[in-house]
Amino acid sequence: MPSVAIEHGADGAFVYVVDANYIVGKRPVVAGLANSSVTVVDEGLQPGEQVITDGQYPVQAGTAVSILPASATTSVPSS
């Protein structure tokens, strides 16, 4: 996933996950290998879950959000 999606707090690394009702949840994760743009998440996420990758600063758990389509400039390289 994009490294910018992973936040760091007093309890460790976490991401903001968006559920089927577009409500945000805060999810602890275990980050693995990383480079400057991509981080592997070893634990804490399931395939297909939507994670906030931009604009996390004003977001809080329980907030309703809108999903914007990813643009070509924010895509993650495949290798």
Protein backbone atom coordinates (compact mmCIF):
# COMPACT_ATOMS: atom_id res chain seq x y z
CA MET A 1 0.00 0.00 0.00
CA PRO A 2 1.16 3.60 -0.32
CA SER A 3 3.43 4.41 2.62
CA VAL A 4 1.58 7.70 3.21
CA ALA A 5 -1.52 5.72 4.30
CA ILE A 6 0.24 4.40 7.42
CA GLU A 7 -0.01 6.68 10.44
CA HIS A 8 1.97 6.37 13.66
CA GLY A 9 0.53 7.01 17.11
CA ALA A 10 1.21 6.23 20.75
CA ASP A 11 -0.09 2.67 20.24
CA GLY A 12 1.93 2.04 17.07
CA ALA A 13 1.16 2.00 13.35
CA PHE A 14 -2.42 2.26 12.10
CA VAL A 15 -4.49 3.04 9.02
CA TYR A 16 -7.94 4.48 8.48
CA VAL A 17 -10.22 1.89 6.85
CA VAL A 18 -13.53 2.76 5.14
CA ASP A 19 -16.37 0.26 5.57
CA ALA A 20 -19.26 -0.54 3.20
CA ASN A 21 -21.30 2.34 4.68
CA TYR A 22 -18.42 4.81 4.10
CA ILE A 23 -17.70 5.11 7.82
CA VAL A 24 -14.06 5.39 8.91
CA GLY A 25 -12.47 3.02 11.39
CA LYS A 26 -8.98 3.18 12.88
CA ARG A 27 -7.14 -0.14 12.41
CA PRO A 28 -3.81 -1.14 13.99
CA VAL A 29 -1.42 -2.70 11.49
CA VAL A 30 1.98 -4.37 11.47
CA ALA A 31 4.10 -2.84 8.73
CA GLY A 32 6.72 -4.96 6.99
CA LEU A 33 9.13 -4.18 4.21
CA ALA A 34 9.00 -0.62 2.93
CA ASN A 35 10.62 1.78 0.54
CA SER A 36 10.00 5.49 0.05
CA SER A 37 6.60 4.99 -1.58
CA VAL A 38 5.21 1.52 -0.75
CA THR A 39 4.88 -0.44 2.50
CA VAL A 40 3.85 -4.07 2.89
CA VAL A 41 1.25 -4.57 5.65
CA ASP A 42 1.95 -7.92 7.32
CA GLU A 43 -1.04 -7.88 9.69
CA GLY A 44 -4.22 -5.91 10.27
CA LEU A 45 -5.87 -5.72 6.83
CA GLN A 46 -7.86 -8.06 4.64
CA PRO A 47 -7.69 -8.12 0.82
CA GLY A 48 -10.09 -5.63 -0.74
CA GLU A 49 -10.44 -3.31 2.23
CA GLN A 50 -10.42 0.39 1.36
CA VAL A 51 -7.81 2.48 3.13
CA ILE A 52 -7.59 6.28 3.21
CA THR A 53 -4.42 7.33 1.42
CA ASP A 54 -4.89 11.10 1.28
CA GLY A 55 -6.39 13.67 3.63
CA GLN A 56 -6.07 11.65 6.84
CA TYR A 57 -5.35 14.69 9.03
CA PRO A 58 -8.97 15.79 9.63
CA VAL A 59 -10.35 12.21 9.73
CA GLN A 60 -11.48 10.51 12.93
CA ALA A 61 -12.94 7.07 13.57
CA GLY A 62 -16.71 7.15 13.08
CA THR A 63 -16.57 9.91 10.43
CA ALA A 64 -18.57 9.47 7.20
CA VAL A 65 -16.50 10.01 4.05
CA SER A 66 -16.84 10.02 0.27
CA ILE A 67 -14.62 7.85 -1.92
CA LEU A 68 -12.82 9.57 -4.78
CA PRO A 69 -11.41 7.52 -7.65
CA ALA A 70 -7.64 7.12 -7.71
CA SER A 71 -5.89 9.18 -10.33
CA ALA A 72 -2.96 8.11 -12.43
CA THR A 73 -0.71 10.40 -10.38
CA THR A 74 -1.51 8.59 -7.13
CA SER A 75 -1.22 5.04 -8.37
CA VAL A 76 1.28 2.64 -6.83
CA PRO A 77 3.92 1.15 -9.10
CA SER A 78 3.54 -2.58 -9.72
CA SER A 79 7.18 -3.40 -9.03
